[in-house]
Amino acid sequence: MPEQPRSRRQTRAAILTHLLQSGGSFRPPLAKAVRLSEASLSRILFDLKAEGLIEEVRRPAPYVGGPTGLVSLDSTVALAAVELTAQWLSIGVGGLAGELNYTERLPLPKTPSVETVGRVFRESMTLLRDWTRRRRITLAQIGVSIPGLGRLTAAGNPIIPCDVARISGMIGEMFAGVPLEFTNSVVAHATFHRCRTQDYPFTGTHLFVFVSHGVAGAWMDDPTEADALQPVELGHMVFGPGGPRCRCGHHGCVEAYTSLPALAELLDISEAELLQLGSEWVHAVPLSARVRQELRRRLFRLGLAIGNTLNVKPCGGVAISGWPSLLADDDRNAVIEGIDACLLGGRTLAQVSVAFVPPSTGNDPQAALAFAAFCLASRGGMATSSTEAA
């Protein structure tokens, strides 16, 4: 079947998202990657360069007689990142390559409410507006990451109480004309890894699993498609009604066994101490035989949840990020055993590859910044109201 023609927006999006994920490319491999002739690519690059979205700098040729112009995203494009976590609200201004030029973290109240979280958002947005105004910076995109967004309604976030519709209106007033997008935290972290993790294991359709304060997944598809990133609440599969209580209100969810708070309880340390240790907890906290056995049982449950998800919607790869990726192979193999226990015939018959990628918890607002860059690239750098066709 012949390939369907792409609109101008889709073609530009293919170029920009490839540059976002690759960090830069010479023209011949870029043309091949986005399925364009070099002549057609040159015409589009001329427009993108004129609009200040890309730059081309001289680099040593990759081979004798090869190209010397490396195409990359323009470093002067400014994006705003807003990332809500369990402890604070982080804001930042950075570029398409992931560098942050400004960051602030505002603590959340111990018992947050819609009103108090809304006040923290307003305070942070005032700081952001004042900082950009003083430096005469024009933002090209704002990306906002919120845990659990989309599970219920936009105004009824079940994890951290906040009225997303009200917050969206407030940001829209303070940054009139700037494209604004909200997403679930797992989508932001999935985008961060796909665009920023060196040697990220998958390029095609796959499932990204994020194990942090919560446990969730995201379907990763063609970045030029409108529904390329879709959150999956696999962390709330119930394994036993008599299990530990989950923040969703049920008992025995896989999240109640494998989230960071559940891990801290199993290790007999406070969640704050676990967060302070960061990736070093695997070396700093000794594991008794009993704790290690229980840890593997919980990881097996995580694998079951992933395997059940793949049984519903098969795909060729699973990338797992979070504290399980810090463990030795003998421990994290329990996750793979759980996946195999669910898939019909195991990973070999199902042709599923599993890879572990580093944790990204605690680096906020980097995930929201990567999401903002993705939003700009996936609409081809065009205005959100634009309806230009091929």
Protein backbone atom coordinates (compact mmCIF):
# COMPACT_ATOMS: atom_id res chain seq x y z
CA MET A 1 0.00 0.00 0.00
CA PRO A 2 1.51 3.37 -0.99
CA GLU A 3 2.40 5.77 1.81
CA GLN A 4 -0.25 8.41 2.54
CA PRO A 5 0.84 11.96 1.69
CA ARG A 6 1.88 14.03 4.69
CA SER A 7 0.69 17.53 5.43
CA ARG A 8 3.20 20.35 5.73
CA ARG A 9 2.79 20.24 9.50
CA GLN A 10 3.48 16.50 9.62
CA THR A 11 6.56 16.82 7.42
CA ARG A 12 7.97 19.62 9.57
CA ALA A 13 7.11 17.62 12.67
CA ALA A 14 9.00 14.61 11.32
CA ILE A 15 12.10 16.76 10.83
CA LEU A 16 11.92 18.55 14.19
CA THR A 17 11.16 15.44 16.25
CA HIS A 18 14.02 13.58 14.57
CA LEU A 19 16.38 16.43 15.44
CA LEU A 20 15.00 16.51 18.98
CA GLN A 21 15.67 12.80 19.52
CA SER A 22 19.00 12.66 17.67
CA GLY A 23 20.48 15.94 18.88
CA GLY A 24 21.41 16.90 15.32
CA SER A 25 22.01 15.38 11.91
CA PHE A 26 23.78 16.00 8.61
CA ARG A 27 21.43 16.56 5.68
CA PRO A 28 21.78 13.21 3.83
CA PRO A 29 20.93 10.96 6.84
CA LEU A 30 18.23 13.44 7.92
CA ALA A 31 16.57 13.25 4.49
CA LYS A 32 16.66 9.46 4.65
CA ALA A 33 15.25 9.37 8.19
CA VAL A 34 12.26 11.58 7.34
CA ARG A 35 11.75 10.06 3.86
CA LEU A 36 12.36 13.21 1.81
CA SER A 37 14.53 14.03 -1.17
CA GLU A 38 17.44 16.28 -0.32
CA ALA A 39 15.90 19.00 -2.50
CA SER A 40 12.58 18.87 -0.62
CA LEU A 41 14.42 18.78 2.70
CA SER A 42 16.44 21.86 1.75
CA ARG A 43 13.29 23.87 1.03
CA ILE A 44 11.78 23.01 4.41
CA LEU A 45 15.04 23.62 6.27
CA PHE A 46 15.20 27.07 4.66
CA ASP A 47 11.78 27.90 6.19
CA LEU A 48 12.64 26.41 9.59
CA LYS A 49 15.90 28.35 9.69
CA ALA A 50 14.13 31.60 8.75
CA GLU A 51 11.64 31.02 11.57
CA GLY A 52 14.47 30.56 14.09
CA LEU A 53 13.67 26.92 14.83
CA ILE A 54 16.86 25.29 13.51
CA GLU A 55 20.49 26.20 12.97
CA GLU A 56 23.21 24.72 10.80
CA VAL A 57 26.81 24.80 11.94
CA ARG A 58 30.00 23.55 10.33
CA ARG A 59 31.34 20.24 11.58
CA PRO A 60 34.06 17.93 10.26
CA ALA A 61 32.65 15.76 7.48
CA PRO A 62 31.70 12.23 8.61
CA TYR A 63 33.57 10.86 5.58
CA VAL A 64 35.76 12.17 2.76
CA GLY A 65 33.69 14.43 0.56
CA GLY A 66 30.76 14.24 2.98
CA PRO A 67 28.53 17.07 4.27
CA THR A 68 29.91 19.59 6.74
CA GLY A 69 26.69 21.29 7.83
CA LEU A 70 25.16 19.78 10.99
CA VAL A 71 21.47 20.61 11.34
CA SER A 72 20.20 20.98 14.91
CA LEU A 73 17.44 22.73 16.81
CA ASP A 74 18.10 26.41 17.46
CA SER A 75 19.59 27.00 20.92
CA THR A 76 17.86 30.38 21.28
CA VAL A 77 14.31 28.96 21.37
CA ALA A 78 12.97 29.41 24.94
CA LEU A 79 10.57 26.98 26.59
CA ALA A 80 8.94 27.02 30.02
CA ALA A 81 8.60 23.88 32.16
CA VAL A 82 6.22 23.42 35.09
CA GLU A 83 6.37 20.14 37.02
CA LEU A 84 4.21 19.21 40.00
CA THR A 85 5.55 16.51 42.33
CA ALA A 86 4.59 15.17 45.74
CA GLN A 87 6.85 17.67 47.53
CA TRP A 88 6.99 20.82 45.44
CA LEU A 89 6.19 22.69 42.25
CA SER A 90 9.21 23.20 39.99
CA ILE A 91 9.42 25.78 37.23
CA GLY A 92 12.14 26.48 34.71
CA VAL A 93 13.09 28.10 31.43
CA GLY A 94 15.32 26.21 29.05
CA GLY A 95 16.09 25.31 25.47
CA LEU A 96 15.27 22.58 22.99
CA ALA A 97 18.47 20.68 23.84
CA GLY A 98 17.49 20.36 27.50
CA GLU A 99 19.66 23.06 29.08
CA LEU A 100 17.99 24.97 31.93
CA ASN A 101 18.71 28.68 32.31
CA TYR A 102 16.39 29.31 35.26
CA THR A 103 14.79 27.10 37.90
CA GLU A 104 12.76 27.54 41.07
CA ARG A 105 11.19 25.04 43.47
CA LEU A 106 8.26 26.07 45.64
CA PRO A 107 7.28 23.67 48.44
CA LEU A 108 3.74 22.37 48.66
CA PRO A 109 1.86 22.53 51.97
CA LYS A 110 1.95 19.35 54.07
CA THR A 111 -1.78 18.85 53.47
CA PRO A 112 -2.42 20.33 50.04
CA SER A 113 -5.85 21.41 48.86
CA VAL A 114 -7.16 22.76 45.57
CA GLU A 115 -6.92 26.30 46.97
CA THR A 116 -3.40 26.05 48.42
CA VAL A 117 -1.98 24.28 45.36
CA GLY A 118 -3.62 26.92 43.18
CA ARG A 119 -1.85 29.63 45.20
CA VAL A 120 1.51 27.91 44.73
CA PHE A 121 0.86 27.78 40.98
CA ARG A 122 0.04 31.49 40.90
CA GLU A 123 3.15 32.38 42.89
CA SER A 124 5.35 30.27 40.62
CA MET A 125 3.82 31.67 37.44
CA THR A 126 4.38 35.21 38.74
CA LEU A 127 8.06 34.38 39.29
CA LEU A 128 8.25 32.90 35.79
CA ARG A 129 6.56 35.88 34.17
CA ASP A 130 8.77 38.38 36.00
CA TRP A 131 11.96 36.49 35.10
CA THR A 132 11.12 36.31 31.39
CA ARG A 133 9.99 39.94 31.28
CA ARG A 134 13.20 41.23 32.86
CA ARG A 135 15.21 39.39 30.22
CA ARG A 136 12.78 40.14 27.38
CA ILE A 137 12.42 36.45 26.64
CA THR A 138 9.55 35.30 24.46
CA LEU A 139 8.45 31.76 25.25
CA ALA A 140 7.69 29.40 22.38
CA GLN A 141 5.91 26.77 24.50
CA ILE A 142 4.86 26.00 28.08
CA GLY A 143 4.70 22.36 29.21
CA VAL A 144 2.99 21.39 32.48
CA SER A 145 3.37 17.94 34.09
CA ILE A 146 0.85 16.81 36.73
CA PRO A 147 0.74 13.38 38.46
CA GLY A 148 -2.36 11.37 37.65
CA LEU A 149 -3.77 13.82 35.13
CA GLY A 150 -6.51 12.27 33.05
CA ARG A 151 -7.54 9.48 35.41
CA LEU A 152 -10.76 11.18 36.45
CA THR A 153 -11.53 14.70 35.28
CA ALA A 154 -9.33 17.68 34.55
CA ALA A 155 -10.55 19.39 37.73
CA GLY A 156 -10.50 16.34 40.01
CA ASN A 157 -6.89 15.22 40.21
CA PRO A 158 -6.82 12.24 42.62
CA ILE A 159 -3.13 12.44 43.60
CA ILE A 160 -2.37 16.09 44.28
CA PRO A 161 -5.57 18.16 44.52
CA CYS A 162 -5.59 20.86 41.87
CA ASP A 163 -8.07 22.43 39.50
CA VAL A 164 -6.37 22.05 36.13
CA ALA A 165 -9.00 24.10 34.28
CA ARG A 166 -8.54 27.01 36.67
CA ILE A 167 -4.74 26.74 36.49
CA SER A 168 -4.87 26.62 32.69
CA GLY A 169 -6.96 29.79 32.63
CA MET A 170 -4.58 31.56 35.01
CA ILE A 171 -1.49 30.63 32.98
CA GLY A 172 -3.29 31.61 29.77
CA GLU A 173 -3.96 35.08 31.17
CA MET A 174 -0.39 35.61 32.40
CA PHE A 175 1.21 34.25 29.20
CA ALA A 176 -1.29 35.25 26.54
CA GLY A 177 -0.54 33.81 23.13
CA VAL A 178 2.01 31.25 24.34
CA PRO A 179 1.07 27.63 23.43
CA LEU A 180 0.25 25.69 26.62
CA GLU A 181 -0.01 21.91 27.06
CA PHE A 182 -0.73 19.76 30.14
CA THR A 183 0.22 16.12 30.50
CA ASN A 184 0.39 13.23 32.93
CA SER A 185 3.76 12.93 34.72
CA VAL A 186 4.45 9.52 33.19
CA VAL A 187 4.14 10.98 29.69
CA ALA A 188 6.57 13.77 30.58
CA HIS A 189 9.12 11.29 31.94
CA ALA A 190 8.65 9.01 28.94
CA THR A 191 9.31 11.97 26.65
CA PHE A 192 12.38 12.93 28.68
CA HIS A 193 13.89 9.47 28.31
CA ARG A 194 13.07 9.16 24.62
CA CYS A 195 14.63 12.54 23.84
CA ARG A 196 17.41 12.82 26.44
CA THR A 197 18.58 9.31 27.40
CA GLN A 198 21.69 8.36 25.50
CA ASP A 199 21.25 5.07 23.63
CA TYR A 200 17.56 4.87 24.49
CA PRO A 201 16.68 1.25 23.59
CA PHE A 202 13.58 1.73 21.39
CA THR A 203 12.70 3.82 18.36
CA GLY A 204 9.36 2.26 17.40
CA THR A 205 6.14 1.62 19.27
CA HIS A 206 6.71 0.43 22.84
CA LEU A 207 5.47 0.63 26.42
CA PHE A 208 7.29 2.91 28.87
CA VAL A 209 6.87 2.04 32.57
CA PHE A 210 7.72 4.57 35.28
CA VAL A 211 8.20 3.35 38.88
CA SER A 212 8.46 6.29 41.27
CA HIS A 213 6.02 7.78 43.78
CA GLY A 214 3.44 6.08 41.63
CA VAL A 215 3.55 3.33 39.04
CA ALA A 216 2.27 4.09 35.57
CA GLY A 217 2.92 3.49 31.90
CA ALA A 218 2.76 5.31 28.61
CA TRP A 219 2.27 4.00 25.09
CA MET A 220 4.99 5.47 22.89
CA ASP A 221 4.17 5.70 19.20
CA ASP A 222 5.10 7.74 16.12
CA PRO A 223 5.90 11.21 17.54
CA THR A 224 4.30 12.94 14.56
CA GLU A 225 0.88 11.48 15.38
CA ALA A 226 -1.59 13.37 17.58
CA ASP A 227 -2.03 10.44 19.99
CA ALA A 228 1.65 9.46 20.08
CA LEU A 229 1.77 9.47 23.89
CA GLN A 230 -1.00 7.84 25.93
CA PRO A 231 -0.85 7.24 29.72
CA VAL A 232 -1.68 3.79 31.09
CA GLU A 233 -2.67 3.30 34.74
CA LEU A 234 -1.19 -0.18 35.09
CA GLY A 235 -0.13 0.58 38.67
CA HIS A 236 -3.69 0.18 39.90
CA MET A 237 -4.20 -3.46 39.01
CA VAL A 238 -5.39 -5.08 42.23
CA PHE A 239 -3.58 -8.24 43.31
CA GLY A 240 -5.46 -8.82 46.55
CA PRO A 241 -8.25 -6.94 48.34
CA GLY A 242 -6.49 -7.60 51.64
CA GLY A 243 -3.25 -5.94 50.53
CA PRO A 244 -1.89 -2.54 51.59
CA ARG A 245 -4.05 0.49 50.97
CA CYS A 246 -3.24 2.45 47.79
CA ARG A 247 -3.63 6.20 47.41
CA CYS A 248 -6.34 5.51 44.81
CA GLY A 249 -8.52 4.16 47.63
CA HIS A 250 -8.28 0.45 46.82
CA HIS A 251 -6.24 -2.23 48.54
CA GLY A 252 -3.56 -4.45 47.01
CA CYS A 253 -2.69 -2.39 43.90
CA VAL A 254 0.72 -3.07 42.39
CA GLU A 255 1.58 0.56 43.21
CA ALA A 256 0.94 -0.12 46.90
CA TYR A 257 3.68 -2.78 46.72
CA THR A 258 6.26 -1.16 44.43
CA SER A 259 6.07 2.64 44.68
CA LEU A 260 8.84 4.63 46.41
CA PRO A 261 6.78 5.02 49.62
CA ALA A 262 6.18 1.23 49.65
CA LEU A 263 9.90 0.63 49.05
CA ALA A 264 10.84 2.96 51.92
CA GLU A 265 8.50 1.07 54.26
CA LEU A 266 9.99 -2.26 53.21
CA LEU A 267 13.54 -0.94 53.77
CA ASP A 268 12.47 0.45 57.16
CA ILE A 269 13.59 3.99 56.38
CA SER A 270 11.62 7.19 55.89
CA GLU A 271 10.56 8.27 52.41
CA ALA A 272 12.49 11.52 52.91
CA GLU A 273 15.68 9.56 53.68
CA LEU A 274 15.15 7.36 50.63
CA LEU A 275 14.73 10.41 48.41
CA GLN A 276 17.82 12.03 49.91
CA LEU A 277 19.90 8.92 49.17
CA GLY A 278 18.69 8.94 45.57
CA SER A 279 20.31 6.27 43.42
CA GLU A 280 22.81 5.48 46.20
CA TRP A 281 20.25 3.68 48.36
CA VAL A 282 21.14 0.37 46.66
CA HIS A 283 24.64 0.67 48.13
CA ALA A 284 23.79 2.45 51.37
CA VAL A 285 20.90 0.28 52.62
CA PRO A 286 21.76 -3.37 53.39
CA LEU A 287 19.15 -5.94 52.29
CA SER A 288 18.54 -8.94 54.50
CA ALA A 289 17.60 -12.26 52.89
CA ARG A 290 13.98 -11.73 54.00
CA VAL A 291 13.79 -8.19 52.56
CA ARG A 292 15.43 -9.27 49.29
CA GLN A 293 12.95 -12.13 48.91
CA GLU A 294 10.02 -9.79 49.53
CA LEU A 295 11.51 -7.27 47.12
CA ARG A 296 11.60 -9.88 44.37
CA ARG A 297 8.01 -10.92 45.11
CA ARG A 298 6.91 -7.32 44.65
CA LEU A 299 8.91 -6.95 41.45
CA PHE A 300 7.27 -10.14 40.17
CA ARG A 301 3.89 -8.45 40.76
CA LEU A 302 5.11 -5.44 38.79
CA GLY A 303 6.02 -7.80 35.96
CA LEU A 304 2.56 -9.36 36.13
CA ALA A 305 0.99 -5.92 35.76
CA ILE A 306 3.18 -5.16 32.75
CA GLY A 307 2.48 -8.56 31.21
CA ASN A 308 -1.27 -8.14 31.65
CA THR A 309 -1.02 -4.75 29.96
CA LEU A 310 0.83 -6.29 27.01
CA ASN A 311 -1.78 -9.05 26.76
CA VAL A 312 -4.41 -6.37 26.24
CA LYS A 313 -2.32 -4.30 23.80
CA PRO A 314 0.77 -6.12 22.48
CA CYS A 315 3.88 -4.24 21.44
CA GLY A 316 7.49 -5.11 20.73
CA GLY A 317 9.29 -3.44 23.61
CA VAL A 318 9.09 -2.37 27.25
CA ALA A 319 11.35 0.30 28.77
CA ILE A 320 11.31 0.36 32.59
CA SER A 321 12.53 3.43 34.46
CA GLY A 322 12.73 3.95 38.21
CA TRP A 323 14.27 2.31 41.23
CA PRO A 324 14.10 -1.26 39.79
CA SER A 325 16.63 -0.23 37.14
CA LEU A 326 19.21 0.33 39.90
CA LEU A 327 19.13 -3.29 41.05
CA ALA A 328 21.42 -6.12 40.04
CA ASP A 329 20.24 -8.45 37.29
CA ASP A 330 19.41 -11.24 39.77
CA ASP A 331 16.88 -8.99 41.51
CA ARG A 332 15.30 -7.24 38.56
CA ASN A 333 14.93 -10.50 36.67
CA ALA A 334 11.88 -10.98 38.89
CA VAL A 335 10.16 -8.30 36.78
CA ILE A 336 10.93 -10.22 33.58
CA GLU A 337 9.70 -13.47 35.16
CA GLY A 338 6.42 -11.75 36.00
CA ILE A 339 6.06 -10.52 32.40
CA ASP A 340 6.73 -14.02 31.11
CA ALA A 341 4.11 -15.45 33.49
CA CYS A 342 1.46 -13.29 31.80
CA LEU A 343 2.38 -13.23 28.14
CA LEU A 344 0.99 -16.07 26.08
CA GLY A 345 4.07 -18.19 25.51
CA GLY A 346 6.47 -15.76 27.17
CA ARG A 347 8.58 -12.99 25.69
CA THR A 348 10.14 -15.16 22.98
CA LEU A 349 6.85 -16.11 21.35
CA ALA A 350 5.43 -12.64 21.91
CA GLN A 351 8.64 -11.07 20.55
CA VAL A 352 8.92 -8.56 23.37
CA SER A 353 12.21 -6.92 24.35
CA VAL A 354 12.64 -5.55 27.88
CA ALA A 355 15.17 -2.85 28.78
CA PHE A 356 15.86 -0.91 31.99
CA VAL A 357 16.70 2.80 31.78
CA PRO A 358 18.00 5.08 34.58
CA PRO A 359 15.60 6.71 37.07
CA SER A 360 14.58 10.28 36.32
CA THR A 361 12.88 11.13 39.64
CA GLY A 362 14.27 14.25 41.28
CA ASN A 363 15.52 16.00 38.13
CA ASP A 364 12.43 18.20 37.73
CA PRO A 365 11.56 20.23 35.80
CA GLN A 366 13.62 18.41 33.14
CA ALA A 367 10.76 16.04 32.25
CA ALA A 368 8.34 18.95 31.74
CA LEU A 369 10.98 20.75 29.66
CA ALA A 370 11.37 17.71 27.40
CA PHE A 371 7.58 17.55 27.05
CA ALA A 372 7.45 21.24 26.08
CA ALA A 373 10.11 20.62 23.43
CA PHE A 374 8.17 17.62 22.13
CA CYS A 375 4.96 19.68 21.89
CA LEU A 376 6.72 22.34 19.82
CA ALA A 377 8.39 19.77 17.57
CA SER A 378 5.34 17.55 17.07
CA ARG A 379 3.27 20.47 15.72
CA GLY A 380 6.05 21.28 13.32
CA GLY A 381 6.87 24.53 15.09
CA MET A 382 3.69 25.98 13.63
CA ALA A 383 1.10 28.02 15.48
CA THR A 384 -1.50 25.92 17.29
CA SER A 385 -4.25 27.60 15.26
CA SER A 386 -2.56 26.93 11.94
CA THR A 387 -4.48 24.73 9.47
CA GLU A 388 -1.93 24.70 6.65
CA ALA A 389 -2.03 21.55 4.58
CA ALA A 390 0.62 19.82 2.48
